[in-house]
């Protein structure tokens, strides 16, 4: 059975909520709060599957607890070949639609460059934003959550995405 680590950084609590919903969908998954539980990039090696969550801040930047780990990954360039990775994140498509979910795009680019196998791309349909670095054609490179404008869709989106990942990853 695959070991699953759900790593998340959360400032307002939305990404934490999504991480906890995902943990309910993946029996035995371990939640790792990037602020409180993260020990270093070597911790990624402990898991077969990495579900990585970050909200988007400022000019499309990852949540603050991801800054140092992403810098370390970029500098150390560990070989993540064969590692199954998927991204989820929170954003506000109306107020901050010019960078909606862009943090996920930055993380996707980095993990792909390190050899990770990325899963969980989702449709951009149903969202209304101006621009996103997370957009790949007509898909986002992960699960996008907007609890400000579409809170009623959050649980449904999380469950559908978890089922998609189980199918794509063979879990």
N, C-alpha and C. Protein backbone atom coordinates (compact mmCIF):
# COMPACT_ATOMS: atom_id res chain seq x y z
N UNK A 1 0.84 -1.19 0.00
CA UNK A 1 0.00 0.00 0.00
C UNK A 1 0.88 1.25 0.00
N UNK A 2 0.52 2.21 -0.82
CA UNK A 2 1.30 3.44 -0.95
C UNK A 2 1.17 4.30 0.31
N UNK A 3 2.29 4.91 0.70
CA UNK A 3 2.26 5.87 1.80
C UNK A 3 1.98 7.25 1.22
N UNK A 4 1.09 7.99 1.89
CA UNK A 4 0.64 9.28 1.38
C UNK A 4 0.91 10.36 2.41
N UNK A 5 1.62 11.40 1.98
CA UNK A 5 1.85 12.57 2.81
C UNK A 5 1.10 13.75 2.24
N UNK A 6 0.29 14.40 3.08
CA UNK A 6 -0.45 15.59 2.67
C UNK A 6 0.23 16.78 3.33
N UNK A 7 1.05 17.47 2.57
CA UNK A 7 1.82 18.62 3.06
C UNK A 7 1.06 19.89 2.71
N UNK A 8 0.86 20.77 3.68
CA UNK A 8 0.10 21.99 3.40
C UNK A 8 0.60 23.18 4.20
N UNK A 9 0.49 24.34 3.57
CA UNK A 9 0.73 25.61 4.23
C UNK A 9 -0.58 26.37 4.19
N UNK A 10 -1.00 26.90 5.33
CA UNK A 10 -2.31 27.56 5.38
C UNK A 10 -2.24 28.78 6.28
N UNK A 11 -2.62 29.92 5.74
CA UNK A 11 -2.64 31.15 6.53
C UNK A 11 -4.04 31.46 7.04
N UNK A 12 -5.05 31.28 6.19
CA UNK A 12 -6.42 31.62 6.58
C UNK A 12 -7.25 30.41 6.98
N UNK A 13 -6.70 29.21 6.82
CA UNK A 13 -7.40 28.01 7.23
C UNK A 13 -8.07 27.23 6.11
N UNK A 14 -8.19 27.81 4.92
CA UNK A 14 -8.86 27.12 3.82
C UNK A 14 -8.04 25.93 3.34
N UNK A 15 -6.76 26.11 3.13
CA UNK A 15 -5.93 25.01 2.64
C UNK A 15 -5.85 23.91 3.70
N UNK A 16 -5.83 24.27 4.97
CA UNK A 16 -5.87 23.28 6.06
C UNK A 16 -7.17 22.47 5.97
N UNK A 17 -8.28 23.16 5.77
CA UNK A 17 -9.57 22.48 5.67
C UNK A 17 -9.57 21.47 4.52
N UNK A 18 -9.02 21.87 3.38
CA UNK A 18 -8.96 20.97 2.23
C UNK A 18 -8.05 19.78 2.55
N UNK A 19 -6.92 20.03 3.19
CA UNK A 19 -5.99 18.96 3.56
C UNK A 19 -6.69 17.95 4.48
N UNK A 20 -7.46 18.45 5.43
CA UNK A 20 -8.18 17.56 6.34
C UNK A 20 -9.26 16.77 5.61
N UNK A 21 -9.96 17.40 4.67
CA UNK A 21 -10.94 16.67 3.86
C UNK A 21 -10.26 15.57 3.04
N UNK A 22 -9.10 15.89 2.49
CA UNK A 22 -8.35 14.88 1.74
C UNK A 22 -7.91 13.72 2.63
N UNK A 23 -7.49 14.04 3.84
CA UNK A 23 -7.07 12.99 4.77
C UNK A 23 -8.22 12.03 5.05
N UNK A 24 -9.45 12.53 5.06
CA UNK A 24 -10.62 11.67 5.25
C UNK A 24 -10.83 10.75 4.06
N UNK A 25 -10.40 11.18 2.88
CA UNK A 25 -10.59 10.41 1.65
C UNK A 25 -9.47 9.39 1.42
N UNK A 26 -8.32 9.61 2.04
CA UNK A 26 -7.16 8.73 1.87
C UNK A 26 -6.80 8.11 3.22
N UNK A 27 -7.33 6.95 3.46
CA UNK A 27 -7.11 6.25 4.73
C UNK A 27 -5.60 6.07 4.98
N UNK A 28 -5.18 6.45 6.16
CA UNK A 28 -3.77 6.28 6.53
C UNK A 28 -2.85 7.39 6.09
N UNK A 29 -3.37 8.38 5.37
CA UNK A 29 -2.53 9.51 4.94
C UNK A 29 -2.08 10.31 6.16
N UNK A 30 -0.88 10.86 6.07
CA UNK A 30 -0.34 11.66 7.16
C UNK A 30 -0.41 13.14 6.79
N UNK A 31 -0.98 13.96 7.68
CA UNK A 31 -1.03 15.41 7.49
C UNK A 31 0.25 16.05 8.01
N UNK A 32 0.86 16.89 7.19
CA UNK A 32 2.08 17.61 7.59
C UNK A 32 1.86 19.09 7.37
N UNK A 33 1.69 19.83 8.47
CA UNK A 33 1.56 21.29 8.42
C UNK A 33 2.97 21.84 8.20
N UNK A 34 3.16 22.59 7.12
CA UNK A 34 4.49 23.09 6.77
C UNK A 34 5.10 23.98 7.86
N UNK A 35 4.27 24.63 8.65
CA UNK A 35 4.78 25.48 9.72
C UNK A 35 5.17 24.68 10.95
N UNK A 36 4.36 23.70 11.32
CA UNK A 36 4.55 23.01 12.59
C UNK A 36 5.24 21.65 12.49
N UNK A 37 5.02 20.94 11.38
CA UNK A 37 5.47 19.55 11.30
C UNK A 37 6.57 19.27 10.29
N UNK A 38 6.90 20.23 9.48
CA UNK A 38 7.87 20.00 8.41
C UNK A 38 9.29 20.10 8.94
N UNK A 39 10.10 19.06 8.66
CA UNK A 39 11.47 19.00 9.18
C UNK A 39 12.54 19.28 8.13
N UNK A 40 12.21 19.20 6.87
CA UNK A 40 13.17 19.41 5.80
C UNK A 40 12.75 18.63 4.57
N UNK A 41 13.37 18.95 3.43
CA UNK A 41 12.94 18.33 2.18
C UNK A 41 13.16 16.82 2.16
N UNK A 42 14.01 16.31 3.04
CA UNK A 42 14.20 14.87 3.13
C UNK A 42 12.91 14.17 3.54
N UNK A 43 12.02 14.91 4.19
CA UNK A 43 10.75 14.35 4.64
C UNK A 43 9.88 13.90 3.46
N UNK A 44 10.06 14.49 2.30
CA UNK A 44 9.31 14.08 1.12
C UNK A 44 9.64 12.63 0.73
N UNK A 45 10.86 12.20 1.04
CA UNK A 45 11.31 10.86 0.69
C UNK A 45 10.57 9.77 1.46
N UNK A 46 9.93 10.11 2.56
CA UNK A 46 9.24 9.14 3.39
C UNK A 46 7.94 8.63 2.77
N UNK A 47 7.48 9.28 1.70
CA UNK A 47 6.17 8.97 1.14
C UNK A 47 6.26 8.62 -0.34
N UNK A 48 5.37 7.71 -0.77
CA UNK A 48 5.26 7.37 -2.19
C UNK A 48 4.47 8.42 -2.95
N UNK A 49 3.49 9.00 -2.25
CA UNK A 49 2.58 9.99 -2.84
C UNK A 49 2.64 11.26 -2.02
N UNK A 50 2.80 12.39 -2.71
CA UNK A 50 2.81 13.70 -2.05
C UNK A 50 1.62 14.51 -2.56
N UNK A 51 0.72 14.88 -1.66
CA UNK A 51 -0.35 15.81 -1.98
C UNK A 51 0.06 17.13 -1.34
N UNK A 52 0.30 18.14 -2.18
CA UNK A 52 0.93 19.38 -1.72
C UNK A 52 -0.04 20.54 -1.85
N UNK A 53 -0.32 21.21 -0.73
CA UNK A 53 -1.30 22.28 -0.72
C UNK A 53 -0.73 23.63 -0.34
N UNK A 54 -1.11 24.64 -1.13
CA UNK A 54 -0.69 26.01 -0.86
C UNK A 54 -1.72 26.98 -1.40
N UNK A 55 -1.99 28.00 -0.64
CA UNK A 55 -2.78 29.11 -1.17
C UNK A 55 -1.84 30.00 -1.99
N UNK A 56 -2.42 30.93 -2.73
CA UNK A 56 -1.64 31.86 -3.55
C UNK A 56 -1.71 33.25 -2.92
N UNK A 57 -0.56 33.90 -2.82
CA UNK A 57 -0.45 35.21 -2.19
C UNK A 57 0.28 36.18 -3.10
N UNK A 58 0.10 37.46 -2.86
CA UNK A 58 0.84 38.50 -3.58
C UNK A 58 0.75 38.36 -5.08
N UNK A 59 1.90 38.30 -5.71
CA UNK A 59 1.99 38.22 -7.17
C UNK A 59 2.06 36.77 -7.64
N UNK A 60 1.22 35.91 -7.05
CA UNK A 60 1.19 34.51 -7.45
C UNK A 60 2.15 33.63 -6.67
N UNK A 61 2.51 34.05 -5.47
CA UNK A 61 3.49 33.31 -4.67
C UNK A 61 2.84 32.25 -3.80
N UNK A 62 3.59 31.18 -3.50
CA UNK A 62 3.10 30.17 -2.56
C UNK A 62 2.97 30.75 -1.16
N UNK A 63 2.18 30.11 -0.35
CA UNK A 63 1.99 30.50 1.04
C UNK A 63 3.35 30.51 1.74
N UNK A 64 3.53 31.39 2.69
CA UNK A 64 4.84 31.68 3.30
C UNK A 64 5.58 30.46 3.85
N UNK A 65 4.85 29.46 4.35
CA UNK A 65 5.52 28.29 4.92
C UNK A 65 6.17 27.41 3.86
N UNK A 66 5.87 27.66 2.60
CA UNK A 66 6.48 26.91 1.49
C UNK A 66 7.75 27.57 0.96
N UNK A 67 8.01 28.82 1.31
CA UNK A 67 9.11 29.57 0.70
C UNK A 67 10.46 28.86 0.89
N UNK A 68 10.84 28.54 2.10
CA UNK A 68 12.14 27.90 2.34
C UNK A 68 12.21 26.49 1.75
N UNK A 69 11.19 25.64 1.93
CA UNK A 69 11.27 24.31 1.31
C UNK A 69 11.40 24.36 -0.21
N UNK A 70 10.67 25.26 -0.86
CA UNK A 70 10.76 25.36 -2.32
C UNK A 70 12.14 25.88 -2.74
N UNK A 71 12.68 26.79 -1.97
CA UNK A 71 14.04 27.29 -2.23
C UNK A 71 15.04 26.15 -2.10
N UNK A 72 14.92 25.35 -1.02
CA UNK A 72 15.83 24.21 -0.81
C UNK A 72 15.70 23.19 -1.94
N UNK A 73 14.49 22.89 -2.37
CA UNK A 73 14.30 21.96 -3.48
C UNK A 73 14.96 22.48 -4.75
N UNK A 74 14.78 23.78 -4.99
CA UNK A 74 15.36 24.40 -6.18
C UNK A 74 16.88 24.35 -6.16
N UNK A 75 17.48 24.60 -5.00
CA UNK A 75 18.93 24.62 -4.88
C UNK A 75 19.56 23.23 -4.81
N UNK A 76 18.92 22.33 -4.06
CA UNK A 76 19.49 20.99 -3.86
C UNK A 76 19.17 20.03 -5.01
N UNK A 77 18.13 20.32 -5.75
CA UNK A 77 17.71 19.52 -6.92
C UNK A 77 17.70 18.01 -6.66
N UNK A 78 16.94 17.55 -5.64
CA UNK A 78 16.88 16.11 -5.40
C UNK A 78 16.17 15.41 -6.57
N UNK A 79 16.50 14.16 -6.78
CA UNK A 79 15.87 13.37 -7.84
C UNK A 79 14.55 12.83 -7.31
N UNK A 80 13.44 13.34 -7.83
CA UNK A 80 12.12 12.89 -7.40
C UNK A 80 11.48 11.96 -8.43
N UNK A 81 12.31 11.34 -9.26
CA UNK A 81 11.79 10.42 -10.26
C UNK A 81 10.97 9.32 -9.58
N UNK A 82 9.81 9.07 -10.15
CA UNK A 82 8.93 8.04 -9.61
C UNK A 82 8.04 8.49 -8.47
N UNK A 83 8.27 9.68 -7.96
CA UNK A 83 7.44 10.21 -6.87
C UNK A 83 6.12 10.70 -7.48
N UNK A 84 4.99 10.23 -6.94
CA UNK A 84 3.67 10.67 -7.40
C UNK A 84 3.27 11.92 -6.62
N UNK A 85 2.99 13.01 -7.36
CA UNK A 85 2.72 14.30 -6.75
C UNK A 85 1.45 14.89 -7.33
N UNK A 86 0.67 15.57 -6.48
CA UNK A 86 -0.50 16.32 -6.94
C UNK A 86 -0.63 17.56 -6.07
N UNK A 87 -1.15 18.62 -6.65
CA UNK A 87 -1.23 19.92 -5.99
C UNK A 87 -2.67 20.34 -5.75
N UNK A 88 -2.89 21.02 -4.62
CA UNK A 88 -4.19 21.63 -4.34
C UNK A 88 -3.94 22.98 -3.70
N UNK A 89 -4.87 23.89 -3.89
CA UNK A 89 -4.65 25.20 -3.32
C UNK A 89 -5.88 26.06 -3.31
N UNK A 90 -5.80 27.11 -2.53
CA UNK A 90 -6.89 28.05 -2.37
C UNK A 90 -6.54 29.38 -3.00
N UNK A 91 -7.58 30.05 -3.48
CA UNK A 91 -7.42 31.37 -4.05
C UNK A 91 -8.77 32.07 -4.10
N UNK A 92 -8.74 33.32 -4.50
CA UNK A 92 -9.96 34.13 -4.64
C UNK A 92 -9.99 34.60 -6.09
N UNK A 93 -10.81 33.96 -6.90
CA UNK A 93 -10.81 34.22 -8.34
C UNK A 93 -11.36 35.59 -8.71
N UNK A 94 -12.13 36.21 -7.85
CA UNK A 94 -12.70 37.53 -8.18
C UNK A 94 -11.79 38.67 -7.72
N UNK A 95 -11.43 38.68 -6.44
CA UNK A 95 -10.60 39.77 -5.91
C UNK A 95 -9.15 39.66 -6.38
N UNK A 96 -8.65 38.44 -6.54
CA UNK A 96 -7.25 38.22 -6.94
C UNK A 96 -7.18 37.36 -8.19
N UNK A 97 -8.06 37.63 -9.13
CA UNK A 97 -8.15 36.83 -10.35
C UNK A 97 -6.98 36.97 -11.29
N UNK A 98 -6.13 37.96 -11.08
CA UNK A 98 -4.97 38.15 -11.96
C UNK A 98 -3.85 37.16 -11.65
N UNK A 99 -3.94 36.45 -10.51
CA UNK A 99 -2.93 35.46 -10.13
C UNK A 99 -3.57 34.21 -9.51
N UNK A 100 -4.80 33.93 -9.89
CA UNK A 100 -5.57 32.85 -9.27
C UNK A 100 -4.81 31.52 -9.36
N UNK A 101 -4.53 30.92 -8.23
CA UNK A 101 -3.86 29.61 -8.11
C UNK A 101 -2.45 29.56 -8.69
N UNK A 102 -1.87 30.71 -8.97
CA UNK A 102 -0.55 30.72 -9.62
C UNK A 102 0.53 30.01 -8.81
N UNK A 103 0.39 29.95 -7.49
CA UNK A 103 1.37 29.23 -6.67
C UNK A 103 1.46 27.77 -7.10
N UNK A 104 0.32 27.18 -7.46
CA UNK A 104 0.33 25.79 -7.90
C UNK A 104 1.14 25.62 -9.18
N UNK A 105 1.04 26.58 -10.07
CA UNK A 105 1.82 26.53 -11.30
C UNK A 105 3.31 26.57 -11.04
N UNK A 106 3.72 27.41 -10.10
CA UNK A 106 5.14 27.49 -9.75
C UNK A 106 5.62 26.19 -9.12
N UNK A 107 4.80 25.60 -8.28
CA UNK A 107 5.17 24.34 -7.65
C UNK A 107 5.20 23.21 -8.68
N UNK A 108 4.24 23.19 -9.58
CA UNK A 108 4.19 22.19 -10.64
C UNK A 108 5.46 22.25 -11.48
N UNK A 109 5.85 23.45 -11.88
CA UNK A 109 7.07 23.61 -12.69
C UNK A 109 8.29 23.05 -11.96
N UNK A 110 8.41 23.35 -10.68
CA UNK A 110 9.57 22.90 -9.90
C UNK A 110 9.58 21.38 -9.76
N UNK A 111 8.47 20.81 -9.34
CA UNK A 111 8.45 19.36 -9.11
C UNK A 111 8.63 18.58 -10.41
N UNK A 112 8.07 19.08 -11.51
CA UNK A 112 8.31 18.43 -12.80
C UNK A 112 9.80 18.48 -13.16
N UNK A 113 10.45 19.61 -12.89
CA UNK A 113 11.88 19.74 -13.21
C UNK A 113 12.74 18.79 -12.39
N UNK A 114 12.22 18.34 -11.26
CA UNK A 114 12.94 17.42 -10.38
C UNK A 114 12.60 15.96 -10.69
N UNK A 115 11.78 15.74 -11.72
CA UNK A 115 11.48 14.39 -12.16
C UNK A 115 10.22 13.76 -11.60
N UNK A 116 9.45 14.50 -10.79
CA UNK A 116 8.23 13.94 -10.20
C UNK A 116 7.20 13.66 -11.28
N UNK A 117 6.35 12.67 -11.02
CA UNK A 117 5.21 12.37 -11.87
C UNK A 117 4.02 13.12 -11.28
N UNK A 118 3.47 14.07 -12.04
CA UNK A 118 2.41 14.92 -11.53
C UNK A 118 1.05 14.44 -12.03
N UNK A 119 0.10 14.39 -11.11
CA UNK A 119 -1.26 13.92 -11.38
C UNK A 119 -2.27 14.98 -10.92
N UNK A 120 -3.54 14.72 -11.24
CA UNK A 120 -4.61 15.52 -10.66
C UNK A 120 -4.96 16.81 -11.36
N UNK A 121 -4.67 16.92 -12.65
CA UNK A 121 -5.06 18.12 -13.37
C UNK A 121 -6.59 18.18 -13.43
N UNK A 122 -7.16 19.37 -13.27
CA UNK A 122 -8.61 19.55 -13.25
C UNK A 122 -9.03 20.64 -14.23
N UNK A 123 -10.27 20.57 -14.63
CA UNK A 123 -10.82 21.52 -15.60
C UNK A 123 -10.88 22.94 -15.03
N UNK A 124 -10.65 23.91 -15.90
CA UNK A 124 -10.81 25.32 -15.52
C UNK A 124 -12.27 25.77 -15.62
N UNK A 125 -13.13 24.92 -16.16
CA UNK A 125 -14.55 25.26 -16.30
C UNK A 125 -15.17 25.51 -14.92
N UNK A 126 -16.01 26.52 -14.83
CA UNK A 126 -16.67 26.84 -13.57
C UNK A 126 -15.95 27.87 -12.74
N UNK A 127 -14.83 28.36 -13.24
CA UNK A 127 -14.07 29.41 -12.54
C UNK A 127 -14.07 30.66 -13.42
N UNK A 128 -14.00 31.84 -12.79
CA UNK A 128 -14.00 33.11 -13.50
C UNK A 128 -12.84 33.95 -12.98
N UNK A 129 -11.72 33.92 -13.68
CA UNK A 129 -10.49 34.60 -13.27
C UNK A 129 -9.83 35.20 -14.51
N UNK A 130 -8.85 36.07 -14.30
CA UNK A 130 -8.16 36.73 -15.42
C UNK A 130 -6.96 35.93 -15.91
N UNK A 131 -6.14 35.42 -14.99
CA UNK A 131 -4.89 34.77 -15.37
C UNK A 131 -4.47 33.80 -14.27
N UNK A 132 -3.78 32.73 -14.66
CA UNK A 132 -3.25 31.80 -13.69
C UNK A 132 -2.04 31.08 -14.26
N UNK A 133 -0.94 31.09 -13.51
CA UNK A 133 0.23 30.29 -13.88
C UNK A 133 -0.04 28.80 -13.70
N UNK A 134 -1.15 28.45 -13.06
CA UNK A 134 -1.52 27.05 -12.87
C UNK A 134 -2.29 26.49 -14.07
N UNK A 135 -2.63 27.34 -15.02
CA UNK A 135 -3.40 26.88 -16.17
C UNK A 135 -2.49 26.20 -17.19
N UNK A 136 -2.90 25.01 -17.60
CA UNK A 136 -2.21 24.23 -18.62
C UNK A 136 -3.27 23.87 -19.67
N UNK A 137 -3.36 24.66 -20.72
CA UNK A 137 -4.43 24.46 -21.70
C UNK A 137 -5.76 24.80 -21.05
N UNK A 138 -6.68 23.83 -21.02
CA UNK A 138 -7.99 24.05 -20.39
C UNK A 138 -8.08 23.41 -19.01
N UNK A 139 -6.91 23.19 -18.39
CA UNK A 139 -6.86 22.56 -17.07
C UNK A 139 -5.96 23.35 -16.12
N UNK A 140 -6.23 23.17 -14.83
CA UNK A 140 -5.32 23.62 -13.79
C UNK A 140 -4.41 22.44 -13.45
N UNK A 141 -3.21 22.71 -13.02
CA UNK A 141 -2.27 21.65 -12.65
C UNK A 141 -2.53 21.19 -11.21
N UNK A 142 -3.78 21.05 -10.87
CA UNK A 142 -4.17 20.60 -9.55
C UNK A 142 -5.59 21.01 -9.24
N UNK A 143 -5.96 20.89 -7.98
CA UNK A 143 -7.30 21.23 -7.52
C UNK A 143 -7.32 22.67 -7.03
N UNK A 144 -8.22 23.47 -7.60
CA UNK A 144 -8.39 24.85 -7.17
C UNK A 144 -9.62 25.01 -6.31
N UNK A 145 -9.45 25.64 -5.17
CA UNK A 145 -10.54 25.90 -4.24
C UNK A 145 -10.68 27.40 -4.04
N UNK A 146 -11.92 27.89 -4.14
CA UNK A 146 -12.23 29.30 -3.86
C UNK A 146 -13.34 29.32 -2.82
N UNK A 147 -12.95 29.31 -1.55
CA UNK A 147 -13.92 29.31 -0.46
C UNK A 147 -14.55 30.68 -0.25
N UNK A 148 -14.01 31.71 -0.89
CA UNK A 148 -14.58 33.04 -0.77
C UNK A 148 -15.82 33.15 -1.65
N UNK A 149 -15.73 32.67 -2.88
CA UNK A 149 -16.82 32.84 -3.85
C UNK A 149 -17.60 31.56 -4.16
N UNK A 150 -17.01 30.39 -3.87
CA UNK A 150 -17.66 29.12 -4.22
C UNK A 150 -17.53 28.09 -3.10
N UNK A 151 -17.71 28.51 -1.87
CA UNK A 151 -17.54 27.62 -0.73
C UNK A 151 -18.45 26.39 -0.83
N UNK A 152 -19.62 26.56 -1.40
CA UNK A 152 -20.57 25.45 -1.50
C UNK A 152 -20.07 24.31 -2.39
N UNK A 153 -19.03 24.57 -3.20
CA UNK A 153 -18.48 23.56 -4.10
C UNK A 153 -17.25 22.85 -3.53
N UNK A 154 -16.72 23.34 -2.42
CA UNK A 154 -15.45 22.83 -1.90
C UNK A 154 -15.48 21.33 -1.63
N UNK A 155 -16.40 20.87 -0.81
CA UNK A 155 -16.40 19.45 -0.45
C UNK A 155 -16.60 18.56 -1.68
N UNK A 156 -17.50 18.94 -2.54
CA UNK A 156 -17.75 18.17 -3.77
C UNK A 156 -16.49 18.10 -4.64
N UNK A 157 -15.80 19.23 -4.77
CA UNK A 157 -14.57 19.26 -5.57
C UNK A 157 -13.48 18.39 -4.95
N UNK A 158 -13.35 18.43 -3.64
CA UNK A 158 -12.32 17.64 -2.96
C UNK A 158 -12.58 16.15 -3.14
N UNK A 159 -13.81 15.73 -2.94
CA UNK A 159 -14.15 14.31 -3.07
C UNK A 159 -13.94 13.83 -4.51
N UNK A 160 -14.37 14.64 -5.48
CA UNK A 160 -14.18 14.26 -6.89
C UNK A 160 -12.70 14.16 -7.22
N UNK A 161 -11.90 15.10 -6.71
CA UNK A 161 -10.46 15.09 -7.00
C UNK A 161 -9.78 13.90 -6.34
N UNK A 162 -10.18 13.58 -5.12
CA UNK A 162 -9.61 12.41 -4.43
C UNK A 162 -9.90 11.15 -5.23
N UNK A 163 -11.10 11.02 -5.73
CA UNK A 163 -11.45 9.85 -6.55
C UNK A 163 -10.66 9.83 -7.85
N UNK A 164 -10.46 11.01 -8.44
CA UNK A 164 -9.65 11.11 -9.66
C UNK A 164 -8.23 10.64 -9.38
N UNK A 165 -7.65 11.10 -8.26
CA UNK A 165 -6.27 10.71 -7.92
C UNK A 165 -6.16 9.22 -7.65
N UNK A 166 -7.13 8.67 -6.95
CA UNK A 166 -7.11 7.22 -6.68
C UNK A 166 -7.07 6.44 -8.00
N UNK A 167 -7.86 6.90 -8.94
CA UNK A 167 -7.91 6.24 -10.25
C UNK A 167 -6.60 6.45 -11.02
N UNK A 168 -6.14 7.69 -11.12
CA UNK A 168 -4.93 8.02 -11.89
C UNK A 168 -3.68 7.36 -11.30
N UNK A 169 -3.59 7.34 -9.99
CA UNK A 169 -2.40 6.82 -9.31
C UNK A 169 -2.49 5.34 -8.99
N UNK A 170 -3.65 4.76 -9.21
CA UNK A 170 -3.84 3.34 -8.89
C UNK A 170 -3.82 3.07 -7.40
N UNK A 171 -4.42 3.94 -6.64
CA UNK A 171 -4.44 3.80 -5.16
C UNK A 171 -5.68 3.07 -4.69
